[in-house]
Amino acid sequence: MTRINFYSGADINRAAPLRRDTGWIAERLASPNARVLPVWREKNFISFLDKGDEVPQIAWMAVDTATKFANGDPSFLLLGEKDDIPYFAIDLSHLEEPESSLPHGMFLGLRDVGGALDQAEGALLSYAKGLIHWHERHPFCARCGSATEPRDAGHVRVCIKEDCKASHFPRTDPAVIMLVYKGDRCVLAHNRRNPLPMYSTLAGFVEPGESLEEAVAREVQEEVGITVGQVRYHSSQPWPFPGNIMLGFHAEAETTDIAIEEAELVEARWFNRDEIANAAQTGLKLSRSESISRRLINDWVSGLV
């Protein structure tokens, strides 16, 4: 079964073989169809349609408008193209009060608009946010400490030191996320990092020299003290907070006693299938609707394990 989760499904040609062709990039920037997606301090540029309720959408910019607000020589990052429309992103974080200068939108956190967006637009926002986040945090070479500069339309940074010239590529940190179940019960937890009393699946980063299945078993054991047996892959989700790929699993428990890792969790407990299915009626707060965590929960409730 093909599962496309939110923040994926941009449905564009990323044009990777053409990123090094500076002439082609210049031609696409000069296209009257070109669209620019601005990012400001990890927030995306959003406008709203009036359809009774406000519906968020990307507030695109023209290349000349984005150039006007850029800090000196603009660095346009190629996202890709579709139907002869090239898509770029640009970082406007140097502006102190951007919305006073930009007339047709506002900068909002991606979590603030989340699943209300069209899926393809949500994926483009995730893509742009993640790419710009990586550039912001990698201005220097990890090998020699010298400055780096963007190349290949923003998809690599190269050390400027002549005897180094190391290339650095955008990184995505892999994390496993899993619904632990046994029969008609599953384990959900309230994480200390979330101020809301919300119950979610367990998750954690993959460590070096570790398979995904081993990471699932280790994280479950560390966080709730449960041993898992069979681990089934479900699907994946780009998670731009700030730059992760969530690898989703259903994991069958072999033990049931819970011992929480108190530094990570406020609480963890077993829920039966009916409790989850009736969460809206009882006030039980589950993971955000656009998250892979909620997809794992919903598919388990529906029997899709």
Protein backbone atom coordinates (compact mmCIF):
# COMPACT_ATOMS: atom_id res chain seq x y z
CA MET A 1 0.00 0.00 0.00
CA THR A 2 1.31 3.43 -0.92
CA ARG A 3 0.92 5.91 1.92
CA ILE A 4 1.66 9.58 1.27
CA ASN A 5 1.74 11.51 4.52
CA PHE A 6 1.44 15.26 4.96
CA TYR A 7 4.60 17.33 4.26
CA SER A 8 5.30 14.95 1.35
CA GLY A 9 3.69 14.84 -2.09
CA ALA A 10 5.03 18.11 -3.53
CA ASP A 11 4.51 16.66 -7.02
CA ILE A 12 7.33 18.61 -8.70
CA ASN A 13 10.38 17.69 -10.74
CA ARG A 14 13.34 18.53 -8.49
CA ALA A 15 15.54 18.82 -11.60
CA ALA A 16 18.61 17.55 -9.75
CA PRO A 17 20.72 16.95 -12.93
CA LEU A 18 20.30 20.61 -13.91
CA ARG A 19 21.24 22.24 -10.61
CA ARG A 20 24.86 22.75 -11.71
CA ASP A 21 23.84 24.43 -14.97
CA THR A 22 24.10 28.10 -14.03
CA GLY A 23 22.82 29.17 -17.43
CA TRP A 24 19.69 27.06 -17.04
CA ILE A 25 19.12 28.38 -13.50
CA ALA A 26 19.46 31.97 -14.73
CA GLU A 27 17.00 31.23 -17.53
CA ARG A 28 14.47 29.79 -15.09
CA LEU A 29 14.86 32.78 -12.75
CA ALA A 30 14.16 35.06 -15.71
CA SER A 31 10.99 33.19 -16.59
CA PRO A 32 7.80 35.23 -16.11
CA ASN A 33 6.29 32.08 -14.59
CA ALA A 34 8.91 31.80 -11.83
CA ARG A 35 7.60 31.74 -8.27
CA VAL A 36 9.55 32.39 -5.09
CA LEU A 37 8.68 31.01 -1.66
CA PRO A 38 10.05 33.32 1.09
CA VAL A 39 11.11 32.01 4.50
CA TRP A 40 11.74 34.30 7.47
CA ARG A 41 13.32 32.96 10.65
CA GLU A 42 11.88 29.47 10.12
CA LYS A 43 8.44 30.84 9.25
CA ASN A 44 6.71 30.59 5.88
CA PHE A 45 4.94 33.32 3.91
CA ILE A 46 1.20 32.61 3.98
CA SER A 47 -1.92 34.35 2.67
CA PHE A 48 -5.55 33.44 3.25
CA LEU A 49 -8.49 32.84 0.93
CA ASP A 50 -11.92 33.83 2.13
CA LYS A 51 -14.16 30.78 1.74
CA GLY A 52 -16.33 31.36 4.76
CA ASP A 53 -13.43 30.17 6.88
CA GLU A 54 -9.93 31.39 6.17
CA VAL A 55 -8.01 28.91 4.04
CA PRO A 56 -4.19 29.24 4.10
CA GLN A 57 -2.09 29.12 0.96
CA ILE A 58 1.46 30.01 -0.04
CA ALA A 59 1.95 33.74 -0.61
CA TRP A 60 4.22 33.47 -3.63
CA MET A 61 6.55 36.27 -4.71
CA ALA A 62 7.85 37.24 -8.12
CA VAL A 63 11.62 37.03 -8.61
CA ASP A 64 12.02 40.82 -8.96
CA THR A 65 10.04 41.43 -5.74
CA ALA A 66 12.11 38.89 -3.81
CA THR A 67 15.31 40.41 -5.22
CA LYS A 68 14.26 43.83 -3.95
CA PHE A 69 13.93 42.53 -0.40
CA ALA A 70 17.03 40.32 -0.49
CA ASN A 71 20.15 41.15 1.47
CA GLY A 72 22.56 42.22 -1.28
CA ASP A 73 23.12 39.47 -3.85
CA PRO A 74 20.06 37.20 -3.52
CA SER A 75 20.60 33.49 -3.07
CA PHE A 76 17.71 31.69 -4.73
CA LEU A 77 17.38 28.01 -3.87
CA LEU A 78 15.85 25.86 -6.57
CA LEU A 79 13.00 23.66 -5.36
CA GLY A 80 12.05 22.33 -8.80
CA GLU A 81 9.52 22.89 -11.53
CA LYS A 82 6.17 21.69 -12.81
CA ASP A 83 4.16 22.61 -15.91
CA ASP A 84 6.88 25.07 -16.96
CA ILE A 85 6.66 26.87 -13.62
CA PRO A 86 10.01 27.03 -11.78
CA TYR A 87 9.84 27.18 -7.97
CA PHE A 88 12.49 28.80 -5.80
CA ALA A 89 12.92 29.62 -2.12
CA ILE A 90 14.71 32.57 -0.53
CA ASP A 91 15.69 33.42 3.04
CA LEU A 92 14.55 36.90 4.16
CA SER A 93 15.58 36.48 7.81
CA HIS A 94 17.71 39.65 7.70
CA LEU A 95 14.55 41.78 7.62
CA GLU A 96 13.53 43.07 11.04
CA GLU A 97 9.84 43.74 10.32
CA PRO A 98 9.11 41.96 7.06
CA GLU A 99 5.34 42.21 7.13
CA SER A 100 5.45 46.00 7.15
CA SER A 101 7.14 45.83 3.74
CA LEU A 102 5.44 42.80 2.21
CA PRO A 103 1.83 43.63 1.36
CA HIS A 104 0.10 40.37 0.57
CA GLY A 105 0.83 37.87 3.33
CA MET A 106 2.21 37.09 6.76
CA PHE A 107 4.94 34.85 8.14
CA LEU A 108 3.57 31.96 10.18
CA GLY A 109 5.04 28.84 11.70
CA LEU A 110 4.29 25.73 9.71
CA ARG A 111 2.67 24.14 12.77
CA ASP A 112 0.24 27.09 12.90
CA VAL A 113 -1.31 26.26 9.54
CA GLY A 114 -0.31 22.60 9.25
CA GLY A 115 -2.95 20.29 7.85
CA ALA A 116 -5.20 23.16 6.72
CA LEU A 117 -2.91 23.61 3.72
CA ASP A 118 -3.20 21.84 0.40
CA GLN A 119 -0.93 18.79 0.66
CA ALA A 120 1.32 19.77 -2.27
CA GLU A 121 1.77 23.28 -0.83
CA GLY A 122 2.48 21.86 2.61
CA ALA A 123 5.19 19.69 1.07
CA LEU A 124 6.76 22.67 -0.71
CA LEU A 125 6.77 24.69 2.52
CA SER A 126 8.41 21.78 4.34
CA TYR A 127 11.02 21.46 1.58
CA ALA A 128 11.88 25.17 1.59
CA LYS A 129 11.95 25.44 5.38
CA GLY A 130 14.22 22.42 5.74
CA LEU A 131 16.64 23.56 3.04
CA ILE A 132 16.96 27.08 4.45
CA HIS A 133 17.35 25.72 8.00
CA TRP A 134 20.29 23.64 6.79
CA HIS A 135 21.96 26.63 5.10
CA GLU A 136 21.54 28.76 8.21
CA ARG A 137 23.31 26.20 10.39
CA HIS A 138 26.15 25.29 8.06
CA PRO A 139 27.98 28.52 7.17
CA PHE A 140 31.34 26.93 8.02
CA CYS A 141 33.18 23.84 6.86
CA ALA A 142 32.96 20.91 9.27
CA ARG A 143 36.40 19.73 8.10
CA CYS A 144 38.54 22.87 8.42
CA GLY A 145 36.30 25.61 9.86
CA SER A 146 36.53 27.96 6.87
CA ALA A 147 33.48 29.64 5.37
CA THR A 148 31.31 27.77 2.89
CA GLU A 149 29.28 29.10 -0.01
CA PRO A 150 26.18 27.69 -1.73
CA ARG A 151 26.45 25.93 -5.08
CA ASP A 152 24.19 23.86 -7.32
CA ALA A 153 21.23 26.19 -6.83
CA GLY A 154 21.47 25.80 -3.06
CA HIS A 155 21.80 22.01 -2.80
CA VAL A 156 25.43 21.90 -1.70
CA ARG A 157 27.78 24.16 0.26
CA VAL A 158 31.46 24.15 -0.70
CA CYS A 159 34.37 25.21 1.49
CA ILE A 160 36.08 28.32 0.09
CA LYS A 161 39.53 27.32 1.39
CA GLU A 162 41.65 26.43 -1.62
CA ASP A 163 43.30 23.35 -0.12
CA CYS A 164 40.04 22.00 1.31
CA LYS A 165 37.07 22.62 -1.04
CA ALA A 166 35.01 20.05 0.89
CA SER A 167 31.42 19.66 -0.28
CA HIS A 168 28.63 19.54 2.30
CA PHE A 169 25.14 18.36 1.45
CA PRO A 170 21.79 18.95 3.14
CA ARG A 171 21.22 16.46 5.92
CA THR A 172 18.04 14.88 7.16
CA ASP A 173 18.10 13.23 10.58
CA PRO A 174 16.31 9.83 10.65
CA ALA A 175 13.97 9.12 13.53
CA VAL A 176 11.77 6.10 14.17
CA ILE A 177 8.19 6.59 15.34
CA MET A 178 6.12 3.60 16.39
CA LEU A 179 2.74 2.54 17.67
CA VAL A 180 3.26 -0.25 20.19
CA TYR A 181 0.27 -2.58 20.44
CA LYS A 182 -0.81 -5.93 21.83
CA GLY A 183 -4.18 -7.32 20.85
CA ASP A 184 -6.79 -4.57 21.15
CA ARG A 185 -4.60 -2.26 23.23
CA CYS A 186 -1.87 0.22 22.32
CA VAL A 187 0.60 2.38 24.25
CA LEU A 188 0.43 6.16 23.99
CA ALA A 189 2.45 8.69 25.96
CA HIS A 190 2.46 12.34 26.99
CA ASN A 191 5.88 13.83 26.22
CA ARG A 192 7.34 16.46 28.56
CA ARG A 193 8.25 18.69 25.61
CA ASN A 194 4.58 19.10 24.76
CA PRO A 195 2.80 21.54 27.12
CA LEU A 196 -0.58 20.24 25.94
CA PRO A 197 -2.04 17.12 27.58
CA MET A 198 -1.77 15.20 24.32
CA TYR A 199 -1.09 11.49 23.87
CA SER A 200 1.11 10.33 21.03
CA THR A 201 3.16 7.42 19.79
CA LEU A 202 6.74 6.84 20.93
CA ALA A 203 9.65 8.13 18.85
CA GLY A 204 13.41 8.62 18.89
CA PHE A 205 16.48 9.18 16.75
CA VAL A 206 18.36 6.39 15.01
CA GLU A 207 21.89 5.96 16.34
CA PRO A 208 25.04 5.13 14.33
CA GLY A 209 25.47 1.44 13.53
CA GLU A 210 21.81 0.69 14.27
CA SER A 211 19.11 -0.71 12.00
CA LEU A 212 15.67 0.85 12.03
CA GLU A 213 14.19 -2.23 13.69
CA GLU A 214 16.86 -2.11 16.39
CA ALA A 215 16.15 1.59 16.95
CA VAL A 216 12.44 0.84 17.42
CA ALA A 217 13.14 -1.88 19.99
CA ARG A 218 15.71 0.22 21.86
CA GLU A 219 13.57 3.36 22.03
CA VAL A 220 10.50 1.45 23.26
CA GLN A 221 12.57 -0.29 25.92
CA GLU A 222 14.21 2.96 27.04
CA GLU A 223 11.04 5.06 27.13
CA VAL A 224 8.43 2.66 28.54
CA GLY A 225 10.30 -0.51 29.53
CA ILE A 226 8.41 -2.74 27.08
CA THR A 227 10.02 -5.43 24.94
CA VAL A 228 8.74 -5.60 21.37
CA GLY A 229 8.83 -8.50 18.95
CA GLN A 230 7.59 -8.14 15.38
CA VAL A 231 8.19 -4.70 13.87
CA ARG A 232 6.35 -3.76 10.65
CA TYR A 233 7.21 -0.75 8.51
CA HIS A 234 4.25 1.54 7.83
CA SER A 235 5.35 4.71 5.98
CA SER A 236 7.55 7.79 6.29
CA GLN A 237 7.05 11.53 6.68
CA PRO A 238 9.33 14.54 6.21
CA TRP A 239 9.14 16.44 9.50
CA PRO A 240 10.56 19.97 9.13
CA PHE A 241 10.91 20.72 12.86
CA PRO A 242 13.68 21.30 12.08
CA GLY A 243 14.87 18.67 9.57
CA ASN A 244 13.91 15.06 10.23
CA ILE A 245 12.52 12.11 8.32
CA MET A 246 10.08 10.14 10.48
CA LEU A 247 10.11 6.40 9.74
CA GLY A 248 6.86 4.90 10.96
CA PHE A 249 6.30 1.40 12.34
CA HIS A 250 3.76 -0.76 14.13
CA ALA A 251 5.50 -2.81 16.82
CA GLU A 252 3.93 -5.76 18.64
CA ALA A 253 4.63 -5.85 22.38
CA GLU A 254 5.91 -9.00 24.06
CA THR A 255 5.61 -7.54 27.58
CA THR A 256 3.01 -5.19 29.05
CA ASP A 257 4.43 -3.65 32.24
CA ILE A 258 5.22 0.06 31.77
CA ALA A 259 8.18 1.82 33.39
CA ILE A 260 8.49 5.32 31.95
CA GLU A 261 11.64 7.32 31.34
CA GLU A 262 10.67 10.32 33.49
CA ALA A 263 13.13 12.68 31.84
CA GLU A 264 11.22 12.21 28.56
CA LEU A 265 7.64 11.39 29.50
CA VAL A 266 5.00 12.67 31.86
CA GLU A 267 2.92 9.53 31.48
CA ALA A 268 2.46 6.47 29.31
CA ARG A 269 -0.36 3.95 29.47
CA TRP A 270 -2.30 1.33 27.58
CA PHE A 271 -5.44 2.42 25.72
CA ASN A 272 -8.00 0.05 24.25
CA ARG A 273 -9.19 0.39 20.68
CA ASP A 274 -12.60 1.78 21.66
CA GLU A 275 -11.04 4.52 23.78
CA ILE A 276 -9.04 5.72 20.80
CA ALA A 277 -11.96 5.42 18.39
CA ASN A 278 -14.12 7.56 20.72
CA ALA A 279 -11.43 10.12 21.57
CA ALA A 280 -13.38 13.04 20.09
CA GLN A 281 -16.39 12.28 22.28
CA THR A 282 -14.41 11.75 25.50
CA GLY A 283 -11.99 14.67 25.09
CA LEU A 284 -8.89 12.50 24.75
CA LYS A 285 -6.35 14.58 22.82
CA LEU A 286 -4.32 12.66 20.26
CA SER A 287 -1.46 13.60 17.94
CA ARG A 288 -1.94 16.38 15.38
CA SER A 289 -4.08 15.37 12.42
CA GLU A 290 -1.28 15.98 9.88
CA SER A 291 1.32 13.92 11.77
CA ILE A 292 2.45 10.40 10.97
CA SER A 293 1.82 9.63 14.63
CA ARG A 294 -1.90 10.18 14.09
CA ARG A 295 -1.77 8.13 10.89
CA LEU A 296 -0.21 5.22 12.79
CA ILE A 297 -2.92 5.48 15.45
CA ASN A 298 -5.80 5.79 12.99
CA ASP A 299 -4.63 2.88 10.85
CA TRP A 300 -4.29 0.66 13.92
CA VAL A 301 -7.79 1.58 15.08
CA SER A 302 -9.06 0.72 11.58
CA GLY A 303 -7.28 -2.63 11.63
CA LEU A 304 -4.69 -1.67 9.00
CA VAL A 305 -1.69 -3.25 10.74
